[in-house]
Amino acid sequence: MATATLQTDDAQPVEFPEDRDWKPRANQWAIALTVTLATFMEVLDSSIANVALPHIAGALSASEDEATWVLTSYLVSNAIILPASAYLTTFIGASGST
């Protein structure tokens, strides 16, 4: 049986068989469905906010240009929060999984 050697940070080689069938621990279809659903929900949220702009402007007695800032601030906050949450997930999640 052929083996491969992997060098770790603590300078101790780890050997594992090369011809072993590797299988992921998570279902790939479940991951793809989750990512697709999250993307769809993000687009749906933006569409709902865009459709609601005239109602927001009417309820707040604001002009349409002023109400557009609601959608702009929503999109900017998403542009900041999404990468930050991905970084935190990677940073915090990496310590709990082995």
PDB file of N, CA and C in Angstrom:
ATOM      1  N   MET A   1       0.850  -1.173   0.000  1.00  0.00           N
ATOM      2  CA  MET A   1       0.000   0.000   0.000  1.00  0.00           C
ATOM      3  C   MET A   1       0.897   1.238   0.000  1.00  0.00           C
ATOM      4  N   ALA A   2       0.624   2.162  -0.897  1.00  0.00           N
ATOM      5  CA  ALA A   2       1.411   3.392  -0.979  1.00  0.00           C
ATOM      6  C   ALA A   2       0.978   4.358   0.110  1.00  0.00           C
ATOM      7  N   THR A   3       1.926   5.095   0.651  1.00  0.00           N
ATOM      8  CA  THR A   3       1.606   6.098   1.660  1.00  0.00           C
ATOM      9  C   THR A   3       2.193   7.432   1.250  1.00  0.00           C
ATOM     10  N   ALA A   4       1.584   8.481   1.741  1.00  0.00           N
ATOM     11  CA  ALA A   4       2.074   9.834   1.513  1.00  0.00           C
ATOM     12  C   ALA A   4       2.387  10.442   2.867  1.00  0.00           C
ATOM     13  N   THR A   5       3.328  11.355   2.887  1.00  0.00           N
ATOM     14  CA  THR A   5       3.727  12.001   4.135  1.00  0.00           C
ATOM     15  C   THR A   5       3.352  13.465   4.080  1.00  0.00           C
ATOM     16  N   LEU A   6       2.761  13.941   5.144  1.00  0.00           N
ATOM     17  CA  LEU A   6       2.356  15.334   5.273  1.00  0.00           C
ATOM     18  C   LEU A   6       3.132  15.947   6.415  1.00  0.00           C
ATOM     19  N   GLN A   7       3.781  17.090   6.180  1.00  0.00           N
ATOM     20  CA  GLN A   7       4.564  17.767   7.206  1.00  0.00           C
ATOM     21  C   GLN A   7       3.646  18.761   7.924  1.00  0.00           C
ATOM     22  N   THR A   8       3.506  18.646   9.232  1.00  0.00           N
ATOM     23  CA  THR A   8       2.661  19.548  10.010  1.00  0.00           C
ATOM     24  C   THR A   8       3.493  20.667  10.612  1.00  0.00           C
ATOM     25  N   ASP A   9       2.817  21.590  11.291  1.00  0.00           N
ATOM     26  CA  ASP A   9       3.501  22.743  11.888  1.00  0.00           C
ATOM     27  C   ASP A   9       4.484  22.345  12.985  1.00  0.00           C
ATOM     28  N   ASP A  10       4.192  21.268  13.696  1.00  0.00           N
ATOM     29  CA  ASP A  10       5.086  20.881  14.786  1.00  0.00           C
ATOM     30  C   ASP A  10       6.200  19.947  14.310  1.00  0.00           C
ATOM     31  N   ALA A  11       6.451  19.890  13.011  1.00  0.00           N
ATOM     32  CA  ALA A  11       7.577  19.187  12.375  1.00  0.00           C
ATOM     33  C   ALA A  11       7.530  17.687  12.578  1.00  0.00           C
ATOM     34  N   GLN A  12       6.360  17.113  12.807  1.00  0.00           N
ATOM     35  CA  GLN A  12       6.222  15.675  12.907  1.00  0.00           C
ATOM     36  C   GLN A  12       5.472  15.183  11.668  1.00  0.00           C
ATOM     37  N   PRO A  13       6.066  14.290  10.898  1.00  0.00           N
ATOM     38  CA  PRO A  13       5.380  13.815   9.695  1.00  0.00           C
ATOM     39  C   PRO A  13       4.172  12.955  10.043  1.00  0.00           C
ATOM     40  N   VAL A  14       3.126  13.110   9.262  1.00  0.00           N
ATOM     41  CA  VAL A  14       1.910  12.335   9.431  1.00  0.00           C
ATOM     42  C   VAL A  14       1.742  11.500   8.177  1.00  0.00           C
ATOM     43  N   GLU A  15       1.604  10.202   8.339  1.00  0.00           N
ATOM     44  CA  GLU A  15       1.450   9.323   7.189  1.00  0.00           C
ATOM     45  C   GLU A  15       0.001   8.879   7.076  1.00  0.00           C
ATOM     46  N   PHE A  16      -0.472   8.809   5.851  1.00  0.00           N
ATOM     47  CA  PHE A  16      -1.815   8.318   5.586  1.00  0.00           C
ATOM     48  C   PHE A  16      -1.812   7.611   4.243  1.00  0.00           C
ATOM     49  N   PRO A  17      -2.640   6.598   4.068  1.00  0.00           N
ATOM     50  CA  PRO A  17      -2.648   5.852   2.812  1.00  0.00           C
ATOM     51  C   PRO A  17      -3.208   6.691   1.666  1.00  0.00           C
ATOM     52  N   GLU A  18      -2.547   6.628   0.504  1.00  0.00           N
ATOM     53  CA  GLU A  18      -2.981   7.398  -0.662  1.00  0.00           C
ATOM     54  C   GLU A  18      -4.208   6.815  -1.336  1.00  0.00           C
ATOM     55  N   ASP A  19      -4.320   5.498  -1.359  1.00  0.00           N
ATOM     56  CA  ASP A  19      -5.401   4.887  -2.111  1.00  0.00           C
ATOM     57  C   ASP A  19      -6.684   4.735  -1.290  1.00  0.00           C
ATOM     58  N   ARG A  20      -6.723   5.313  -0.123  1.00  0.00           N
ATOM     59  CA  ARG A  20      -7.937   5.292   0.689  1.00  0.00           C
ATOM     60  C   ARG A  20      -8.989   6.171   0.036  1.00  0.00           C
ATOM     61  N   ASP A  21     -10.210   5.699  -0.020  1.00  0.00           N
ATOM     62  CA  ASP A  21     -11.298   6.493  -0.611  1.00  0.00           C
ATOM     63  C   ASP A  21     -11.695   7.590   0.365  1.00  0.00           C
ATOM     64  N   TRP A  22     -11.537   8.818  -0.091  1.00  0.00           N
ATOM     65  CA  TRP A  22     -11.897   9.962   0.746  1.00  0.00           C
ATOM     66  C   TRP A  22     -13.349  10.326   0.507  1.00  0.00           C
ATOM     67  N   LYS A  23     -14.091  10.515   1.575  1.00  0.00           N
ATOM     68  CA  LYS A  23     -15.484  10.941   1.466  1.00  0.00           C
ATOM     69  C   LYS A  23     -15.682  12.144   2.385  1.00  0.00           C
ATOM     70  N   PRO A  24     -16.380  13.164   1.894  1.00  0.00           N
ATOM     71  CA  PRO A  24     -16.598  14.342   2.740  1.00  0.00           C
ATOM     72  C   PRO A  24     -17.510  14.004   3.913  1.00  0.00           C
ATOM     73  N   ARG A  25     -17.332  14.753   5.000  1.00  0.00           N
ATOM     74  CA  ARG A  25     -18.163  14.541   6.177  1.00  0.00           C
ATOM     75  C   ARG A  25     -19.545  15.150   6.019  1.00  0.00           C
ATOM     76  N   ALA A  26     -19.672  16.135   5.136  1.00  0.00           N
ATOM     77  CA  ALA A  26     -20.946  16.808   4.945  1.00  0.00           C
ATOM     78  C   ALA A  26     -21.515  16.461   3.570  1.00  0.00           C
ATOM     79  N   ASN A  27     -22.814  16.493   3.472  1.00  0.00           N
ATOM     80  CA  ASN A  27     -23.484  16.233   2.201  1.00  0.00           C
ATOM     81  C   ASN A  27     -23.292  17.449   1.294  1.00  0.00           C
ATOM     82  N   GLN A  28     -22.694  17.224   0.135  1.00  0.00           N
ATOM     83  CA  GLN A  28     -22.405  18.329  -0.780  1.00  0.00           C
ATOM     84  C   GLN A  28     -23.682  18.969  -1.309  1.00  0.00           C
ATOM     85  N   TRP A  29     -24.723  18.197  -1.502  1.00  0.00           N
ATOM     86  CA  TRP A  29     -25.988  18.760  -1.989  1.00  0.00           C
ATOM     87  C   TRP A  29     -26.634  19.661  -0.937  1.00  0.00           C
ATOM     88  N   ALA A  30     -26.506  19.290   0.329  1.00  0.00           N
ATOM     89  CA  ALA A  30     -27.060  20.128   1.402  1.00  0.00           C
ATOM     90  C   ALA A  30     -26.317  21.458   1.472  1.00  0.00           C
ATOM     91  N   ILE A  31     -25.007  21.422   1.274  1.00  0.00           N
ATOM     92  CA  ILE A  31     -24.221  22.659   1.287  1.00  0.00           C
ATOM     93  C   ILE A  31     -24.608  23.536   0.098  1.00  0.00           C
ATOM     94  N   ALA A  32     -24.710  22.938  -1.078  1.00  0.00           N
ATOM     95  CA  ALA A  32     -25.087  23.703  -2.275  1.00  0.00           C
ATOM     96  C   ALA A  32     -26.485  24.293  -2.133  1.00  0.00           C
ATOM     97  N   LEU A  33     -27.418  23.520  -1.588  1.00  0.00           N
ATOM     98  CA  LEU A  33     -28.781  24.020  -1.384  1.00  0.00           C
ATOM     99  C   LEU A  33     -28.811  25.174  -0.383  1.00  0.00           C
ATOM    100  N   THR A  34     -28.030  25.070   0.676  1.00  0.00           N
ATOM    101  CA  THR A  34     -27.980  26.129   1.685  1.00  0.00           C
ATOM    102  C   THR A  34     -27.413  27.424   1.107  1.00  0.00           C
ATOM    103  N   VAL A  35     -26.334  27.324   0.353  1.00  0.00           N
ATOM    104  CA  VAL A  35     -25.735  28.516  -0.258  1.00  0.00           C
ATOM    105  C   VAL A  35     -26.687  29.140  -1.280  1.00  0.00           C
ATOM    106  N   THR A  36     -27.330  28.300  -2.079  1.00  0.00           N
ATOM    107  CA  THR A  36     -28.283  28.802  -3.069  1.00  0.00           C
ATOM    108  C   THR A  36     -29.474  29.476  -2.397  1.00  0.00           C
ATOM    109  N   LEU A  37     -29.985  28.873  -1.335  1.00  0.00           N
ATOM    110  CA  LEU A  37     -31.117  29.455  -0.613  1.00  0.00           C
ATOM    111  C   LEU A  37     -30.736  30.788   0.031  1.00  0.00           C
ATOM    112  N   ALA A  38     -29.540  30.871   0.597  1.00  0.00           N
ATOM    113  CA  ALA A  38     -29.089  32.129   1.204  1.00  0.00           C
ATOM    114  C   ALA A  38     -28.945  33.224   0.153  1.00  0.00           C
ATOM    115  N   THR A  39     -28.434  32.881  -1.020  1.00  0.00           N
ATOM    116  CA  THR A  39     -28.306  33.860  -2.098  1.00  0.00           C
ATOM    117  C   THR A  39     -29.673  34.322  -2.569  1.00  0.00           C
ATOM    118  N   PHE A  40     -30.594  33.391  -2.722  1.00  0.00           N
ATOM    119  CA  PHE A  40     -31.956  33.737  -3.128  1.00  0.00           C
ATOM    120  C   PHE A  40     -32.620  34.652  -2.106  1.00  0.00           C
ATOM    121  N   MET A  41     -32.443  34.364  -0.828  1.00  0.00           N
ATOM    122  CA  MET A  41     -33.053  35.196   0.220  1.00  0.00           C
ATOM    123  C   MET A  41     -32.460  36.599   0.223  1.00  0.00           C
ATOM    124  N   GLU A  42     -31.188  36.729  -0.073  1.00  0.00           N
ATOM    125  CA  GLU A  42     -30.554  38.052  -0.140  1.00  0.00           C
ATOM    126  C   GLU A  42     -31.143  38.875  -1.280  1.00  0.00           C
ATOM    127  N   VAL A  43     -31.309  38.243  -2.439  1.00  0.00           N
ATOM    128  CA  VAL A  43     -31.908  38.936  -3.589  1.00  0.00           C
ATOM    129  C   VAL A  43     -33.365  39.279  -3.287  1.00  0.00           C
ATOM    130  N   LEU A  44     -34.085  38.381  -2.646  1.00  0.00           N
ATOM    131  CA  LEU A  44     -35.480  38.632  -2.289  1.00  0.00           C
ATOM    132  C   LEU A  44     -35.595  39.799  -1.316  1.00  0.00           C
ATOM    133  N   ASP A  45     -34.714  39.859  -0.323  1.00  0.00           N
ATOM    134  CA  ASP A  45     -34.713  40.981   0.626  1.00  0.00           C
ATOM    135  C   ASP A  45     -34.489  42.314  -0.088  1.00  0.00           C
ATOM    136  N   SER A  46     -33.537  42.345  -0.995  1.00  0.00           N
ATOM    137  CA  SER A  46     -33.273  43.582  -1.735  1.00  0.00           C
ATOM    138  C   SER A  46     -34.461  43.976  -2.596  1.00  0.00           C
ATOM    139  N   SER A  47     -35.107  42.995  -3.208  1.00  0.00           N
ATOM    140  CA  SER A  47     -36.283  43.282  -4.038  1.00  0.00           C
ATOM    141  C   SER A  47     -37.439  43.812  -3.198  1.00  0.00           C
ATOM    142  N   ILE A  48     -37.644  43.221  -2.034  1.00  0.00           N
ATOM    143  CA  ILE A  48     -38.727  43.683  -1.155  1.00  0.00           C
ATOM    144  C   ILE A  48     -38.470  45.115  -0.705  1.00  0.00           C
ATOM    145  N   ALA A  49     -37.235  45.408  -0.331  1.00  0.00           N
ATOM    146  CA  ALA A  49     -36.910  46.773   0.079  1.00  0.00           C
ATOM    147  C   ALA A  49     -37.099  47.754  -1.077  1.00  0.00           C
ATOM    148  N   ASN A  50     -36.766  47.335  -2.287  1.00  0.00           N
ATOM    149  CA  ASN A  50     -36.919  48.207  -3.457  1.00  0.00           C
ATOM    150  C   ASN A  50     -38.392  48.465  -3.769  1.00  0.00           C
ATOM    151  N   VAL A  51     -39.212  47.425  -3.661  1.00  0.00           N
ATOM    152  CA  VAL A  51     -40.649  47.584  -3.920  1.00  0.00           C
ATOM    153  C   VAL A  51     -41.299  48.441  -2.835  1.00  0.00           C
ATOM    154  N   ALA A  52     -40.812  48.367  -1.626  1.00  0.00           N
ATOM    155  CA  ALA A  52     -41.404  49.104  -0.513  1.00  0.00           C
ATOM    156  C   ALA A  52     -40.989  50.572  -0.464  1.00  0.00           C
ATOM    157  N   LEU A  53     -40.098  51.017  -1.323  1.00  0.00           N
ATOM    158  CA  LEU A  53     -39.616  52.409  -1.272  1.00  0.00           C
ATOM    159  C   LEU A  53     -40.733  53.440  -1.351  1.00  0.00           C
ATOM    160  N   PRO A  54     -41.712  53.334  -2.265  1.00  0.00           N
ATOM    161  CA  PRO A  54     -42.781  54.341  -2.276  1.00  0.00           C
ATOM    162  C   PRO A  54     -43.600  54.363  -0.987  1.00  0.00           C
ATOM    163  N   HIS A  55     -43.823  53.200  -0.387  1.00  0.00           N
ATOM    164  CA  HIS A  55     -44.570  53.140   0.876  1.00  0.00           C
ATOM    165  C   HIS A  55     -43.764  53.734   2.025  1.00  0.00           C
ATOM    166  N   ILE A  56     -42.467  53.485   2.005  1.00  0.00           N
ATOM    167  CA  ILE A  56     -41.592  54.065   3.030  1.00  0.00           C
ATOM    168  C   ILE A  56     -41.592  55.585   2.904  1.00  0.00           C
ATOM    169  N   ALA A  57     -41.500  56.055   1.666  1.00  0.00           N
ATOM    170  CA  ALA A  57     -41.493  57.505   1.444  1.00  0.00           C
ATOM    171  C   ALA A  57     -42.806  58.124   1.885  1.00  0.00           C
ATOM    172  N   GLY A  58     -43.927  57.465   1.594  1.00  0.00           N
ATOM    173  CA  GLY A  58     -45.229  58.000   1.993  1.00  0.00           C
ATOM    174  C   GLY A  58     -45.427  57.997   3.492  1.00  0.00           C
ATOM    175  N   ALA A  59     -45.025  56.931   4.155  1.00  0.00           N
ATOM    176  CA  ALA A  59     -45.220  56.821   5.601  1.00  0.00           C
ATOM    177  C   ALA A  59     -44.355  57.803   6.371  1.00  0.00           C
ATOM    178  N   LEU A  60     -43.194  58.142   5.831  1.00  0.00           N
ATOM    179  CA  LEU A  60     -42.291  59.059   6.524  1.00  0.00           C
ATOM    180  C   LEU A  60     -42.367  60.484   5.995  1.00  0.00           C
ATOM    181  N   SER A  61     -43.281  60.722   5.070  1.00  0.00           N
ATOM    182  CA  SER A  61     -43.409  62.036   4.422  1.00  0.00           C
ATOM    183  C   SER A  61     -42.063  62.481   3.853  1.00  0.00           C
ATOM    184  N   ALA A  62     -41.413  61.563   3.172  1.00  0.00           N
ATOM    185  CA  ALA A  62     -40.104  61.847   2.591  1.00  0.00           C
ATOM    186  C   ALA A  62     -40.223  61.788   1.075  1.00  0.00           C
ATOM    187  N   SER A  63     -39.288  62.427   0.417  1.00  0.00           N
ATOM    188  CA  SER A  63     -39.275  62.355  -1.044  1.00  0.00           C
ATOM    189  C   SER A  63     -38.749  60.978  -1.462  1.00  0.00           C
ATOM    190  N   GLU A  64     -38.917  60.674  -2.733  1.00  0.00           N
ATOM    191  CA  GLU A  64     -38.441  59.391  -3.225  1.00  0.00           C
ATOM    192  C   GLU A  64     -36.916  59.308  -3.150  1.00  0.00           C
ATOM    193  N   ASP A  65     -36.240  60.427  -3.364  1.00  0.00           N
ATOM    194  CA  ASP A  65     -34.776  60.441  -3.263  1.00  0.00           C
ATOM    195  C   ASP A  65     -34.320  60.162  -1.831  1.00  0.00           C
ATOM    196  N   GLU A  66     -35.036  60.712  -0.868  1.00  0.00           N
ATOM    197  CA  GLU A  66     -34.677  60.453   0.533  1.00  0.00           C
ATOM    198  C   GLU A  66     -34.945  58.997   0.912  1.00  0.00           C
ATOM    199  N   ALA A  67     -36.022  58.436   0.368  1.00  0.00           N
ATOM    200  CA  ALA A  67     -36.338  57.034   0.669  1.00  0.00           C
ATOM    201  C   ALA A  67     -35.340  56.086   0.012  1.00  0.00           C
ATOM    202  N   THR A  68     -34.728  56.508  -1.070  1.00  0.00           N
ATOM    203  CA  THR A  68     -33.725  55.679  -1.729  1.00  0.00           C
ATOM    204  C   THR A  68     -32.532  55.430  -0.820  1.00  0.00           C
ATOM    205  N   TRP A  69     -32.288  56.360   0.099  1.00  0.00           N
ATOM    206  CA  TRP A  69     -31.192  56.165   1.053  1.00  0.00           C
ATOM    207  C   TRP A  69     -31.442  54.970   1.962  1.00  0.00           C
ATOM    208  N   VAL A  70     -32.701  54.604   2.168  1.00  0.00           N
ATOM    209  CA  VAL A  70     -33.008  53.412   2.971  1.00  0.00           C
ATOM    210  C   VAL A  70     -32.444  52.179   2.287  1.00  0.00           C
ATOM    211  N   LEU A  71     -32.702  52.051   0.984  1.00  0.00           N
ATOM    212  CA  LEU A  71     -32.185  50.910   0.234  1.00  0.00           C
ATOM    213  C   LEU A  71     -30.661  50.970   0.131  1.00  0.00           C
ATOM    214  N   THR A  72     -30.130  52.150  -0.081  1.00  0.00           N
ATOM    215  CA  THR A  72     -28.676  52.295  -0.185  1.00  0.00           C
ATOM    216  C   THR A  72     -27.997  51.896   1.120  1.00  0.00           C
ATOM    217  N   SER A  73     -28.531  52.351   2.245  1.00  0.00           N
ATOM    218  CA  SER A  73     -27.923  51.993   3.534  1.00  0.00           C
ATOM    219  C   SER A  73     -28.070  50.502   3.816  1.00  0.00           C
ATOM    220  N   TYR A  74     -29.165  49.909   3.394  1.00  0.00           N
ATOM    221  CA  TYR A  74     -29.347  48.469   3.562  1.00  0.00           C
ATOM    222  C   TYR A  74     -28.299  47.698   2.755  1.00  0.00           C
ATOM    223  N   LEU A  75     -28.084  48.081   1.513  1.00  0.00           N
ATOM    224  CA  LEU A  75     -27.121  47.392   0.668  1.00  0.00           C
ATOM    225  C   LEU A  75     -25.684  47.597   1.159  1.00  0.00           C
ATOM    226  N   VAL A  76     -25.374  48.806   1.635  1.00  0.00           N
ATOM    227  CA  VAL A  76     -24.027  49.065   2.154  1.00  0.00           C
ATOM    228  C   VAL A  76     -23.784  48.259   3.430  1.00  0.00           C
ATOM    229  N   SER A  77     -24.788  48.198   4.303  1.00  0.00           N
ATOM    230  CA  SER A  77     -24.618  47.409   5.527  1.00  0.00           C
ATOM    231  C   SER A  77     -24.440  45.930   5.208  1.00  0.00           C
ATOM    232  N   ASN A  78     -25.138  45.423   4.206  1.00  0.00           N
ATOM    233  CA  ASN A  78     -24.931  44.035   3.790  1.00  0.00           C
ATOM    234  C   ASN A  78     -23.535  43.832   3.224  1.00  0.00           C
ATOM    235  N   ALA A  79     -23.054  44.792   2.459  1.00  0.00           N
ATOM    236  CA  ALA A  79     -21.714  44.685   1.874  1.00  0.00           C
ATOM    237  C   ALA A  79     -20.639  44.672   2.956  1.00  0.00           C
ATOM    238  N   ILE A  80     -20.921  45.244   4.105  1.00  0.00           N
ATOM    239  CA  ILE A  80     -19.957  45.237   5.216  1.00  0.00           C
ATOM    240  C   ILE A  80     -20.120  43.986   6.077  1.00  0.00           C
ATOM    241  N   ILE A  81     -21.354  43.623   6.379  1.00  0.00           N
ATOM    242  CA  ILE A  81     -21.618  42.528   7.316  1.00  0.00           C
ATOM    243  C   ILE A  81     -21.317  41.160   6.716  1.00  0.00           C
ATOM    244  N   LEU A  82     -21.632  40.929   5.452  1.00  0.00           N
ATOM    245  CA  LEU A  82     -21.437  39.598   4.871  1.00  0.00           C
ATOM    246  C   LEU A  82     -19.974  39.153   4.876  1.00  0.00           C
ATOM    247  N   PRO A  83     -19.031  39.960   4.387  1.00  0.00           N
ATOM    248  CA  PRO A  83     -17.628  39.508   4.482  1.00  0.00           C
ATOM    249  C   PRO A  83     -17.129  39.422   5.926  1.00  0.00           C
ATOM    250  N   ALA A  84     -17.606  40.327   6.783  1.00  0.00           N
ATOM    251  CA  ALA A  84     -17.182  40.282   8.185  1.00  0.00           C
ATOM    252  C   ALA A  84     -17.682  39.011   8.863  1.00  0.00           C
ATOM    253  N   SER A  85     -18.919  38.610   8.576  1.00  0.00           N
ATOM    254  CA  SER A  85     -19.440  37.381   9.172  1.00  0.00           C
ATOM    255  C   SER A  85     -18.733  36.153   8.610  1.00  0.00           C
ATOM    256  N   ALA A  86     -18.351  36.194   7.339  1.00  0.00           N
ATOM    257  CA  ALA A  86     -17.588  35.079   6.767  1.00  0.00           C
ATOM    258  C   ALA A  86     -16.222  34.962   7.443  1.00  0.00           C
ATOM    259  N   TYR A  87     -15.579  36.089   7.684  1.00  0.00           N
ATOM    260  CA  TYR A  87     -14.282  36.068   8.370  1.00  0.00           C
ATOM    261  C   TYR A  87     -14.436  35.525   9.793  1.00  0.00           C
ATOM    262  N   LEU A  88     -15.447  36.005  10.512  1.00  0.00           N
ATOM    263  CA  LEU A  88     -15.653  35.540  11.881  1.00  0.00           C
ATOM    264  C   LEU A  88     -15.998  34.058  11.921  1.00  0.00           C
ATOM    265  N   THR A  89     -16.769  33.588  10.953  1.00  0.00           N
ATOM    266  CA  THR A  89     -17.090  32.168  10.891  1.00  0.00           C
ATOM    267  C   THR A  89     -15.831  31.344  10.680  1.00  0.00           C
ATOM    268  N   THR A  90     -14.971  31.797   9.791  1.00  0.00           N
ATOM    269  CA  THR A  90     -13.715  31.099   9.550  1.00  0.00           C
ATOM    270  C   THR A  90     -12.815  31.159  10.772  1.00  0.00           C
ATOM    271  N   PHE A  91     -12.731  32.325  11.390  1.00  0.00           N
ATOM    272  CA  PHE A  91     -11.840  32.517  12.542  1.00  0.00           C
ATOM    273  C   PHE A  91     -12.343  31.745  13.766  1.00  0.00           C
ATOM    274  N   ILE A  92     -13.607  31.884  14.090  1.00  0.00           N
ATOM    275  CA  ILE A  92     -14.161  31.238  15.289  1.00  0.00           C
ATOM    276  C   ILE A  92     -14.427  29.759  15.029  1.00  0.00           C
ATOM    277  N   GLY A  93     -14.924  29.453  13.831  1.00  0.00           N
ATOM    278  CA  GLY A  93     -15.258  28.061  13.531  1.00  0.00           C
ATOM    279  C   GLY A  93     -14.051  27.164  13.425  1.00  0.00           C
ATOM    280  N   ALA A  94     -12.909  27.705  13.044  1.00  0.00           N
ATOM    281  CA  ALA A  94     -11.707  26.884  12.888  1.00  0.00           C
ATOM    282  C   ALA A  94     -11.194  26.374  14.231  1.00  0.00           C
ATOM    283  N   SER A  95     -11.420  27.102  15.296  1.00  0.00           N
ATOM    284  CA  SER A  95     -10.905  26.666  16.600  1.00  0.00           C
ATOM    285  C   SER A  95     -11.714  25.526  17.190  1.00  0.00           C
ATOM    286  N   GLY A  96     -12.989  25.431  16.816  1.00  0.00           N
ATOM    287  CA  GLY A  96     -13.837  24.381  17.389  1.00  0.00           C
ATOM    288  C   GLY A  96     -13.818  23.093  16.611  1.00  0.00           C
ATOM    289  N   SER A  97     -13.348  23.098  15.362  1.00  0.00           N
ATOM    290  CA  SER A  97     -13.361  21.869  14.559  1.00  0.00           C
ATOM    291  C   SER A  97     -11.956  21.303  14.441  1.00  0.00           C
ATOM    292  N   THR A  98     -11.902  20.001  14.378  1.00  0.00           N
ATOM    293  CA  THR A  98     -10.610  19.343  14.263  1.00  0.00           C
ATOM    294  C   THR A  98     -10.586  18.443  13.067  1.00  0.00           C
TER     295      THR A  98
END
